[in-house]
Amino acid sequence: MEISALYHFPVKSLQGHKCKSLPLDAFGAVNDRRWMLVDADNQFVTQRRLRGMAQLKATATRDGLRLENAEGEHVEIRSPGDDAERKTVRVWSDDVTARDAGNDVALWLSEQLQTPVRLVSMGSEFHRPLEAPRADRQVSFADAAPLLLVSQASLDDLNSRLPEPVSMLRFRPNLVVSGCEPFAEDGWKTLTVHTHDGPLVFDCTHPCARCAIPGLHPFTGRAQREPLRTLASYRRREDGQIYFGMNLAPTAATAARLGEENSLSINLNDRVEAC
């Protein structure tokens, strides 16, 4: 098996992009889901609420962030410094400290989405531990874990059942792996990626329960019946949730780089690293 694609999403629920390498740190992929939109009550905002977010592309820059709309209009901002306003914001059930990115970008985003929003980022004081028994590890503004993995075979299986195929972008993974059976990732417990710098070990924390976002077109936000209707026919579990993909967390704080260009191998086993 190998990594066949890598994706990066700097702002939660905005467009991201495919990339050739993915640097890692203790929170997952560097600059991935490190920014987030919030409303007037400092609650996180996603495409589930504002479909227009799908039409905005986010790209990390050397100094901060570039945001671009479908017409090519863009704005660039610097990462907020230690003197930026602190806010307590909520992402799902977690209240965390974030840094406000300023009035200029808030105005631009509010005009684009036609509703008041502000952009916040993770600062040096950011702290959001995973749930027990992995509370020694951190997660960014991502929903539930530092990284998300989907196998190409799982998407191929889904597309074989659809009248029209859908893109991997519907599911917003960081890692795509090839060379396994469809939905093999459901049963993985640990995952080891062998790089030139040594092995990177990840816990497969839990399968990913999907919300409404895979039913939204990834570039327009238009709601569509597929692929969730077909997924519900064979991927719904007893708890009523539809599952597609696997959440990952590094077994320890790490500073490393995943790279598609390295033809990385992945060794998997129920509990231990082995071929």
C-alpha atoms as a PDB file:
ATOM      1  CA  MET A   1       0.000   0.000   0.000  1.00  0.00           C
ATOM      2  CA  GLU A   2       1.052   3.565  -0.529  1.00  0.00           C
ATOM      3  CA  ILE A   3      -0.061   7.139  -0.083  1.00  0.00           C
ATOM      4  CA  SER A   4      -1.632   8.140  -3.395  1.00  0.00           C
ATOM      5  CA  ALA A   5      -2.851  11.662  -2.575  1.00  0.00           C
ATOM      6  CA  LEU A   6      -2.520  14.330   0.109  1.00  0.00           C
ATOM      7  CA  TYR A   7      -4.900  17.215   0.809  1.00  0.00           C
ATOM      8  CA  HIS A   8      -4.599  20.387   2.846  1.00  0.00           C
ATOM      9  CA  PHE A   9      -7.471  22.512   4.242  1.00  0.00           C
ATOM     10  CA  PRO A  10      -6.136  25.626   6.012  1.00  0.00           C
ATOM     11  CA  VAL A  11      -9.578  26.986   7.014  1.00  0.00           C
ATOM     12  CA  LYS A  12     -12.216  24.687   8.434  1.00  0.00           C
ATOM     13  CA  SER A  13     -14.954  24.115   5.828  1.00  0.00           C
ATOM     14  CA  LEU A  14     -13.428  26.270   3.074  1.00  0.00           C
ATOM     15  CA  GLN A  15     -11.933  24.779  -0.074  1.00  0.00           C
ATOM     16  CA  GLY A  16      -8.502  23.272   0.297  1.00  0.00           C
ATOM     17  CA  HIS A  17      -6.140  21.842  -2.273  1.00  0.00           C
ATOM     18  CA  LYS A  18      -4.150  18.783  -3.238  1.00  0.00           C
ATOM     19  CA  CYS A  19      -0.475  18.882  -2.302  1.00  0.00           C
ATOM     20  CA  LYS A  20       2.724  16.889  -2.810  1.00  0.00           C
ATOM     21  CA  SER A  21       3.883  16.882   0.799  1.00  0.00           C
ATOM     22  CA  LEU A  22       2.291  17.316   4.191  1.00  0.00           C
ATOM     23  CA  PRO A  23       4.444  18.491   7.109  1.00  0.00           C
ATOM     24  CA  LEU A  24       3.222  17.286  10.496  1.00  0.00           C
ATOM     25  CA  ASP A  25       3.341  18.570  14.041  1.00  0.00           C
ATOM     26  CA  ALA A  26       1.587  17.712  17.294  1.00  0.00           C
ATOM     27  CA  PHE A  27      -1.786  18.967  15.979  1.00  0.00           C
ATOM     28  CA  GLY A  28      -1.687  17.012  12.713  1.00  0.00           C
ATOM     29  CA  ALA A  29      -0.884  18.545   9.332  1.00  0.00           C
ATOM     30  CA  VAL A  30       0.858  21.919   9.672  1.00  0.00           C
ATOM     31  CA  ASN A  31      -1.529  24.801   8.865  1.00  0.00           C
ATOM     32  CA  ASP A  32      -4.430  22.395   8.332  1.00  0.00           C
ATOM     33  CA  ARG A  33      -7.694  23.509   9.979  1.00  0.00           C
ATOM     34  CA  ARG A  34      -5.698  26.075  11.969  1.00  0.00           C
ATOM     35  CA  TRP A  35      -8.203  28.810  10.991  1.00  0.00           C
ATOM     36  CA  MET A  36     -11.964  28.881  11.477  1.00  0.00           C
ATOM     37  CA  LEU A  37     -14.970  31.129  10.888  1.00  0.00           C
ATOM     38  CA  VAL A  38     -17.176  32.062  13.838  1.00  0.00           C
ATOM     39  CA  ASP A  39     -20.481  33.919  14.148  1.00  0.00           C
ATOM     40  CA  ALA A  40     -21.457  36.769  16.470  1.00  0.00           C
ATOM     41  CA  ASP A  41     -21.786  34.282  19.337  1.00  0.00           C
ATOM     42  CA  ASN A  42     -18.286  32.901  18.665  1.00  0.00           C
ATOM     43  CA  GLN A  43     -19.748  29.589  17.507  1.00  0.00           C
ATOM     44  CA  PHE A  44     -17.932  27.816  14.683  1.00  0.00           C
ATOM     45  CA  VAL A  45     -19.497  28.056  11.223  1.00  0.00           C
ATOM     46  CA  THR A  46     -19.319  25.482   8.407  1.00  0.00           C
ATOM     47  CA  GLN A  47     -20.915  24.746   5.043  1.00  0.00           C
ATOM     48  CA  ARG A  48     -23.761  23.049   6.867  1.00  0.00           C
ATOM     49  CA  ARG A  49     -24.930  26.550   7.723  1.00  0.00           C
ATOM     50  CA  LEU A  50     -23.327  28.765   5.057  1.00  0.00           C
ATOM     51  CA  ARG A  51     -23.198  26.981   1.693  1.00  0.00           C
ATOM     52  CA  GLY A  52     -21.225  29.842   0.170  1.00  0.00           C
ATOM     53  CA  MET A  53     -18.156  28.748   2.132  1.00  0.00           C
ATOM     54  CA  ALA A  54     -17.666  26.057  -0.518  1.00  0.00           C
ATOM     55  CA  GLN A  55     -16.904  28.782  -3.076  1.00  0.00           C
ATOM     56  CA  LEU A  56     -13.992  30.246  -1.106  1.00  0.00           C
ATOM     57  CA  LYS A  57     -10.517  28.761  -1.444  1.00  0.00           C
ATOM     58  CA  ALA A  58      -7.924  28.968   1.321  1.00  0.00           C
ATOM     59  CA  THR A  59      -4.163  28.601   0.827  1.00  0.00           C
ATOM     60  CA  ALA A  60      -1.516  28.865   3.525  1.00  0.00           C
ATOM     61  CA  THR A  61       1.251  31.370   2.762  1.00  0.00           C
ATOM     62  CA  ARG A  62       4.642  32.022   4.305  1.00  0.00           C
ATOM     63  CA  ASP A  63       3.185  34.721   6.576  1.00  0.00           C
ATOM     64  CA  GLY A  64      -0.435  33.655   6.947  1.00  0.00           C
ATOM     65  CA  LEU A  65      -3.319  32.976   4.609  1.00  0.00           C
ATOM     66  CA  ARG A  66      -4.676  33.775   1.145  1.00  0.00           C
ATOM     67  CA  LEU A  67      -8.445  33.652   0.573  1.00  0.00           C
ATOM     68  CA  GLU A  68      -9.936  33.676  -2.926  1.00  0.00           C
ATOM     69  CA  ASN A  69     -13.489  33.653  -4.273  1.00  0.00           C
ATOM     70  CA  ALA A  70     -14.819  32.034  -7.442  1.00  0.00           C
ATOM     71  CA  GLU A  71     -14.184  35.218  -9.456  1.00  0.00           C
ATOM     72  CA  GLY A  72     -10.512  35.286  -8.490  1.00  0.00           C
ATOM     73  CA  GLU A  73     -10.843  38.188  -6.053  1.00  0.00           C
ATOM     74  CA  HIS A  74      -8.598  37.585  -3.088  1.00  0.00           C
ATOM     75  CA  VAL A  75      -7.291  38.889   0.195  1.00  0.00           C
ATOM     76  CA  GLU A  76      -4.071  38.032   2.015  1.00  0.00           C
ATOM     77  CA  ILE A  77      -3.602  38.315   5.754  1.00  0.00           C
ATOM     78  CA  ARG A  78      -0.829  37.738   8.249  1.00  0.00           C
ATOM     79  CA  SER A  79      -1.174  35.239  11.056  1.00  0.00           C
ATOM     80  CA  PRO A  80      -2.325  37.079  14.185  1.00  0.00           C
ATOM     81  CA  GLY A  81       0.493  37.843  16.599  1.00  0.00           C
ATOM     82  CA  ASP A  82       0.565  37.624  20.370  1.00  0.00           C
ATOM     83  CA  ASP A  83      -0.971  41.106  20.567  1.00  0.00           C
ATOM     84  CA  ALA A  84      -4.074  40.046  18.592  1.00  0.00           C
ATOM     85  CA  GLU A  85      -7.414  39.905  20.389  1.00  0.00           C
ATOM     86  CA  ARG A  86      -8.072  36.662  22.209  1.00  0.00           C
ATOM     87  CA  LYS A  87     -11.487  35.060  21.891  1.00  0.00           C
ATOM     88  CA  THR A  88     -13.088  32.059  23.510  1.00  0.00           C
ATOM     89  CA  VAL A  89     -14.731  30.218  20.630  1.00  0.00           C
ATOM     90  CA  ARG A  90     -16.666  26.999  20.443  1.00  0.00           C
ATOM     91  CA  VAL A  91     -16.000  24.136  18.048  1.00  0.00           C
ATOM     92  CA  TRP A  92     -18.552  21.394  18.645  1.00  0.00           C
ATOM     93  CA  SER A  93     -18.575  20.990  22.449  1.00  0.00           C
ATOM     94  CA  ASP A  94     -15.107  22.428  23.051  1.00  0.00           C
ATOM     95  CA  ASP A  95     -14.462  25.987  24.215  1.00  0.00           C
ATOM     96  CA  VAL A  96     -10.973  27.030  23.133  1.00  0.00           C
ATOM     97  CA  THR A  97      -8.879  30.193  23.041  1.00  0.00           C
ATOM     98  CA  ALA A  98      -8.257  31.618  19.566  1.00  0.00           C
ATOM     99  CA  ARG A  99      -6.833  34.803  18.047  1.00  0.00           C
ATOM    100  CA  ASP A 100      -8.977  37.162  15.989  1.00  0.00           C
ATOM    101  CA  ALA A 101      -7.595  37.813  12.474  1.00  0.00           C
ATOM    102  CA  GLY A 102      -8.819  41.412  12.296  1.00  0.00           C
ATOM    103  CA  ASN A 103     -11.554  43.607  10.892  1.00  0.00           C
ATOM    104  CA  ASP A 104     -10.413  43.743   7.261  1.00  0.00           C
ATOM    105  CA  VAL A 105     -10.701  40.015   6.611  1.00  0.00           C
ATOM    106  CA  ALA A 106     -13.869  39.820   8.717  1.00  0.00           C
ATOM    107  CA  LEU A 107     -15.473  42.441   6.478  1.00  0.00           C
ATOM    108  CA  TRP A 108     -14.328  40.678   3.288  1.00  0.00           C
ATOM    109  CA  LEU A 109     -15.659  37.316   4.444  1.00  0.00           C
ATOM    110  CA  SER A 110     -18.915  38.817   5.689  1.00  0.00           C
ATOM    111  CA  GLU A 111     -19.470  40.423   2.282  1.00  0.00           C
ATOM    112  CA  GLN A 112     -18.707  37.177   0.489  1.00  0.00           C
ATOM    113  CA  LEU A 113     -21.063  35.136   2.684  1.00  0.00           C
ATOM    114  CA  GLN A 114     -23.650  37.889   3.181  1.00  0.00           C
ATOM    115  CA  THR A 115     -23.703  37.380   6.926  1.00  0.00           C
ATOM    116  CA  PRO A 116     -21.492  38.621   9.784  1.00  0.00           C
ATOM    117  CA  VAL A 117     -18.560  36.293  10.465  1.00  0.00           C
ATOM    118  CA  ARG A 118     -15.060  36.620  11.834  1.00  0.00           C
ATOM    119  CA  LEU A 119     -11.910  34.641  11.139  1.00  0.00           C
ATOM    120  CA  VAL A 120      -9.917  33.233  14.041  1.00  0.00           C
ATOM    121  CA  SER A 121      -6.721  31.221  14.219  1.00  0.00           C
ATOM    122  CA  MET A 122      -4.901  29.015  16.651  1.00  0.00           C
ATOM    123  CA  GLY A 123      -2.379  30.864  18.805  1.00  0.00           C
ATOM    124  CA  SER A 124       0.502  29.664  20.937  1.00  0.00           C
ATOM    125  CA  GLU A 125      -1.858  29.151  23.878  1.00  0.00           C
ATOM    126  CA  PHE A 126      -4.282  26.935  21.931  1.00  0.00           C
ATOM    127  CA  HIS A 127      -5.189  23.749  23.789  1.00  0.00           C
ATOM    128  CA  ARG A 128      -7.722  21.170  22.653  1.00  0.00           C
ATOM    129  CA  PRO A 129      -6.964  17.629  23.844  1.00  0.00           C
ATOM    130  CA  LEU A 130      -8.472  14.540  22.317  1.00  0.00           C
ATOM    131  CA  GLU A 131     -10.928  12.542  24.352  1.00  0.00           C
ATOM    132  CA  ALA A 132      -9.651   9.871  26.759  1.00  0.00           C
ATOM    133  CA  PRO A 133      -7.699   7.654  26.497  1.00  0.00           C
ATOM    134  CA  ARG A 134      -5.731   9.955  24.143  1.00  0.00           C
ATOM    135  CA  ALA A 135      -6.009  13.175  26.141  1.00  0.00           C
ATOM    136  CA  ASP A 136      -2.223  13.582  25.976  1.00  0.00           C
ATOM    137  CA  ARG A 137      -2.624  14.488  22.279  1.00  0.00           C
ATOM    138  CA  GLN A 138      -4.007  17.616  20.652  1.00  0.00           C
ATOM    139  CA  VAL A 139      -6.359  18.410  17.774  1.00  0.00           C
ATOM    140  CA  SER A 140      -6.774  21.656  15.845  1.00  0.00           C
ATOM    141  CA  PHE A 141     -10.157  23.041  14.699  1.00  0.00           C
ATOM    142  CA  ALA A 142     -10.735  19.721  12.904  1.00  0.00           C
ATOM    143  CA  ASP A 143     -13.883  17.905  13.921  1.00  0.00           C
ATOM    144  CA  ALA A 144     -12.497  15.019  15.929  1.00  0.00           C
ATOM    145  CA  ALA A 145      -8.887  14.029  15.212  1.00  0.00           C
ATOM    146  CA  PRO A 146      -5.644  15.458  13.808  1.00  0.00           C
ATOM    147  CA  LEU A 147      -5.886  13.661  10.441  1.00  0.00           C
ATOM    148  CA  LEU A 148      -8.475  11.938   8.263  1.00  0.00           C
ATOM    149  CA  LEU A 149      -7.716   9.019   5.941  1.00  0.00           C
ATOM    150  CA  VAL A 150      -9.816   7.521   3.136  1.00  0.00           C
ATOM    151  CA  SER A 151      -8.763   4.682   0.855  1.00  0.00           C
ATOM    152  CA  GLN A 152      -9.057   5.099  -2.896  1.00  0.00           C
ATOM    153  CA  ALA A 153     -10.696   1.681  -3.051  1.00  0.00           C
ATOM    154  CA  SER A 154     -13.513   2.894  -0.790  1.00  0.00           C
ATOM    155  CA  LEU A 155     -14.232   5.826  -3.090  1.00  0.00           C
ATOM    156  CA  ASP A 156     -14.022   3.560  -6.156  1.00  0.00           C
ATOM    157  CA  ASP A 157     -16.519   1.179  -4.556  1.00  0.00           C
ATOM    158  CA  LEU A 158     -18.896   4.047  -3.847  1.00  0.00           C
ATOM    159  CA  ASN A 159     -18.546   5.476  -7.353  1.00  0.00           C
ATOM    160  CA  SER A 160     -19.319   2.078  -8.874  1.00  0.00           C
ATOM    161  CA  ARG A 161     -22.764   2.343  -7.255  1.00  0.00           C
ATOM    162  CA  LEU A 162     -23.499   5.953  -8.268  1.00  0.00           C
ATOM    163  CA  PRO A 163     -25.067   7.203 -11.508  1.00  0.00           C
ATOM    164  CA  GLU A 164     -22.294   9.847 -11.612  1.00  0.00           C
ATOM    165  CA  PRO A 165     -18.944   9.563  -9.787  1.00  0.00           C
ATOM    166  CA  VAL A 166     -18.024  12.001  -7.034  1.00  0.00           C
ATOM    167  CA  SER A 167     -14.657  13.493  -6.126  1.00  0.00           C
ATOM    168  CA  MET A 168     -12.573  12.613  -3.089  1.00  0.00           C
ATOM    169  CA  LEU A 169     -12.951  16.282  -2.140  1.00  0.00           C
ATOM    170  CA  ARG A 170     -16.481  15.474  -0.967  1.00  0.00           C
ATOM    171  CA  PHE A 171     -14.904  13.756   2.039  1.00  0.00           C
ATOM    172  CA  ARG A 172     -12.074  16.218   2.797  1.00  0.00           C
ATOM    173  CA  PRO A 173      -9.358  13.712   3.804  1.00  0.00           C
ATOM    174  CA  ASN A 174      -5.730  14.550   4.467  1.00  0.00           C
ATOM    175  CA  LEU A 175      -4.434  11.176   3.316  1.00  0.00           C
ATOM    176  CA  VAL A 176      -5.620   8.894   0.523  1.00  0.00           C
ATOM    177  CA  VAL A 177      -4.123   5.408   0.390  1.00  0.00           C
ATOM    178  CA  SER A 178      -4.147   2.891  -2.454  1.00  0.00           C
ATOM    179  CA  GLY A 179      -3.502  -0.825  -2.596  1.00  0.00           C
ATOM    180  CA  CYS A 180      -6.075  -2.136  -0.110  1.00  0.00           C
ATOM    181  CA  GLU A 181      -9.582  -3.545  -0.338  1.00  0.00           C
ATOM    182  CA  PRO A 182     -12.606  -1.214  -0.142  1.00  0.00           C
ATOM    183  CA  PHE A 183     -13.244  -0.127   3.442  1.00  0.00           C
ATOM    184  CA  ALA A 184     -10.248  -2.050   4.752  1.00  0.00           C
ATOM    185  CA  GLU A 185      -9.542   1.037   6.868  1.00  0.00           C
ATOM    186  CA  ASP A 186     -12.617   0.237   8.977  1.00  0.00           C
ATOM    187  CA  GLY A 187     -10.662  -2.422  10.861  1.00  0.00           C
ATOM    188  CA  TRP A 188      -7.274  -0.751  11.171  1.00  0.00           C
ATOM    189  CA  LYS A 189      -6.006  -0.109  14.699  1.00  0.00           C
ATOM    190  CA  THR A 190      -2.538   1.281  14.039  1.00  0.00           C
ATOM    191  CA  LEU A 191      -0.894   2.606  10.907  1.00  0.00           C
ATOM    192  CA  THR A 192       2.821   2.989  10.271  1.00  0.00           C
ATOM    193  CA  VAL A 193       4.163   5.111   7.446  1.00  0.00           C
ATOM    194  CA  HIS A 194       7.804   4.436   6.613  1.00  0.00           C
ATOM    195  CA  THR A 195       9.669   7.533   5.466  1.00  0.00           C
ATOM    196  CA  HIS A 196      13.336   8.234   4.761  1.00  0.00           C
ATOM    197  CA  ASP A 197      13.483   9.811   8.229  1.00  0.00           C
ATOM    198  CA  GLY A 198      12.045   6.772   9.972  1.00  0.00           C
ATOM    199  CA  PRO A 199       8.600   5.358  10.804  1.00  0.00           C
ATOM    200  CA  LEU A 200       5.609   7.508  11.694  1.00  0.00           C
ATOM    201  CA  VAL A 201       3.069   5.656  13.820  1.00  0.00           C
ATOM    202  CA  PHE A 202      -0.585   6.659  14.037  1.00  0.00           C
ATOM    203  CA  ASP A 203      -3.527   5.386  16.057  1.00  0.00           C
ATOM    204  CA  CYS A 204      -6.674   4.842  14.049  1.00  0.00           C
ATOM    205  CA  THR A 205      -8.868   6.495  16.648  1.00  0.00           C
ATOM    206  CA  HIS A 206     -12.350   5.872  15.236  1.00  0.00           C
ATOM    207  CA  PRO A 207     -14.238   5.601  11.932  1.00  0.00           C
ATOM    208  CA  CYS A 208     -15.506   8.908  10.564  1.00  0.00           C
ATOM    209  CA  ALA A 209     -19.247   9.501  10.919  1.00  0.00           C
ATOM    210  CA  ARG A 210     -20.295  11.720   8.032  1.00  0.00           C
ATOM    211  CA  CYS A 211     -22.399  14.858   8.340  1.00  0.00           C
ATOM    212  CA  ALA A 212     -24.249  16.595   5.501  1.00  0.00           C
ATOM    213  CA  ILE A 213     -21.143  18.063   3.861  1.00  0.00           C
ATOM    214  CA  PRO A 214     -20.447  15.111   1.475  1.00  0.00           C
ATOM    215  CA  GLY A 215     -23.896  15.877   0.050  1.00  0.00           C
ATOM    216  CA  LEU A 216     -22.785  19.413  -0.898  1.00  0.00           C
ATOM    217  CA  HIS A 217     -20.959  20.086  -4.155  1.00  0.00           C
ATOM    218  CA  PRO A 218     -17.345  20.809  -3.116  1.00  0.00           C
ATOM    219  CA  PHE A 219     -17.037  23.974  -5.254  1.00  0.00           C
ATOM    220  CA  THR A 220     -20.558  25.425  -5.254  1.00  0.00           C
ATOM    221  CA  GLY A 221     -22.127  24.222  -1.996  1.00  0.00           C
ATOM    222  CA  ARG A 222     -25.238  23.064  -3.875  1.00  0.00           C
ATOM    223  CA  ALA A 223     -27.070  20.308  -1.968  1.00  0.00           C
ATOM    224  CA  GLN A 224     -27.383  16.974  -3.788  1.00  0.00           C
ATOM    225  CA  ARG A 225     -28.950  13.652  -2.841  1.00  0.00           C
ATOM    226  CA  GLU A 226     -25.834  11.702  -3.717  1.00  0.00           C
ATOM    227  CA  PRO A 227     -23.565  10.316  -2.493  1.00  0.00           C
ATOM    228  CA  LEU A 228     -25.200  10.206   0.956  1.00  0.00           C
ATOM    229  CA  ARG A 229     -28.320   8.395  -0.251  1.00  0.00           C
ATOM    230  CA  THR A 230     -26.266   5.542  -1.692  1.00  0.00           C
ATOM    231  CA  LEU A 231     -23.866   5.494   1.252  1.00  0.00           C
ATOM    232  CA  ALA A 232     -26.835   5.205   3.605  1.00  0.00           C
ATOM    233  CA  SER A 233     -27.915   2.026   1.800  1.00  0.00           C
ATOM    234  CA  TYR A 234     -24.797   0.110   2.792  1.00  0.00           C
ATOM    235  CA  ARG A 235     -22.673   2.210   5.174  1.00  0.00           C
ATOM    236  CA  ARG A 236     -25.206   3.092   7.879  1.00  0.00           C
ATOM    237  CA  ARG A 237     -24.557   1.420  11.221  1.00  0.00           C
ATOM    238  CA  GLU A 238     -26.846   0.571  14.105  1.00  0.00           C
ATOM    239  CA  ASP A 239     -26.292   3.986  15.669  1.00  0.00           C
ATOM    240  CA  GLY A 240     -27.865   5.571  12.584  1.00  0.00           C
ATOM    241  CA  GLN A 241     -24.619   7.213  11.416  1.00  0.00           C
ATOM    242  CA  ILE A 242     -23.114   6.868   7.940  1.00  0.00           C
ATOM    243  CA  TYR A 243     -19.386   6.018   8.073  1.00  0.00           C
ATOM    244  CA  PHE A 244     -16.705   6.710   5.483  1.00  0.00           C
ATOM    245  CA  GLY A 245     -13.004   7.064   6.324  1.00  0.00           C
ATOM    246  CA  MET A 246     -10.841   6.724   9.413  1.00  0.00           C
ATOM    247  CA  ASN A 247      -9.627   9.334  11.895  1.00  0.00           C
ATOM    248  CA  LEU A 248      -5.941   9.279  12.826  1.00  0.00           C
ATOM    249  CA  ALA A 249      -3.796  10.622  15.657  1.00  0.00           C
ATOM    250  CA  PRO A 250       0.004  10.384  15.910  1.00  0.00           C
ATOM    251  CA  THR A 251       1.096   8.198  18.802  1.00  0.00           C
ATOM    252  CA  ALA A 252       3.350  11.028  20.024  1.00  0.00           C
ATOM    253  CA  ALA A 253       4.057  14.655  19.243  1.00  0.00           C
ATOM    254  CA  THR A 254       5.931  14.611  15.972  1.00  0.00           C
ATOM    255  CA  ALA A 255       7.681  16.899  13.524  1.00  0.00           C
ATOM    256  CA  ALA A 256       7.877  15.028  10.233  1.00  0.00           C
ATOM    257  CA  ARG A 257       6.689  15.149   6.639  1.00  0.00           C
ATOM    258  CA  LEU A 258       4.448  12.882   4.624  1.00  0.00           C
ATOM    259  CA  GLY A 259       5.134  12.966   0.916  1.00  0.00           C
ATOM    260  CA  GLU A 260       3.378  11.465  -2.053  1.00  0.00           C
ATOM    261  CA  GLU A 261       6.595  11.787  -4.006  1.00  0.00           C
ATOM    262  CA  ASN A 262       8.405   9.428  -1.626  1.00  0.00           C
ATOM    263  CA  SER A 263       6.285   6.392  -2.620  1.00  0.00           C
ATOM    264  CA  LEU A 264       5.708   5.718   1.053  1.00  0.00           C
ATOM    265  CA  SER A 265       4.728   2.264   2.160  1.00  0.00           C
ATOM    266  CA  ILE A 266       2.139   1.688   4.848  1.00  0.00           C
ATOM    267  CA  ASN A 267       2.300  -1.365   7.065  1.00  0.00           C
ATOM    268  CA  LEU A 268      -0.857  -2.228   8.930  1.00  0.00           C
ATOM    269  CA  ASN A 269      -1.839  -4.721  11.574  1.00  0.00           C
ATOM    270  CA  ASP A 270      -4.524  -4.975  14.220  1.00  0.00           C
ATOM    271  CA  ARG A 271      -2.313  -3.876  17.070  1.00  0.00           C
ATOM    272  CA  VAL A 272       1.359  -3.863  16.213  1.00  0.00           C
ATOM    273  CA  GLU A 273       3.570  -2.605  13.458  1.00  0.00           C
ATOM    274  CA  ALA A 274       4.153  -5.457  11.051  1.00  0.00           C
ATOM    275  CA  CYS A 275       3.835  -6.368   7.401  1.00  0.00           C
END
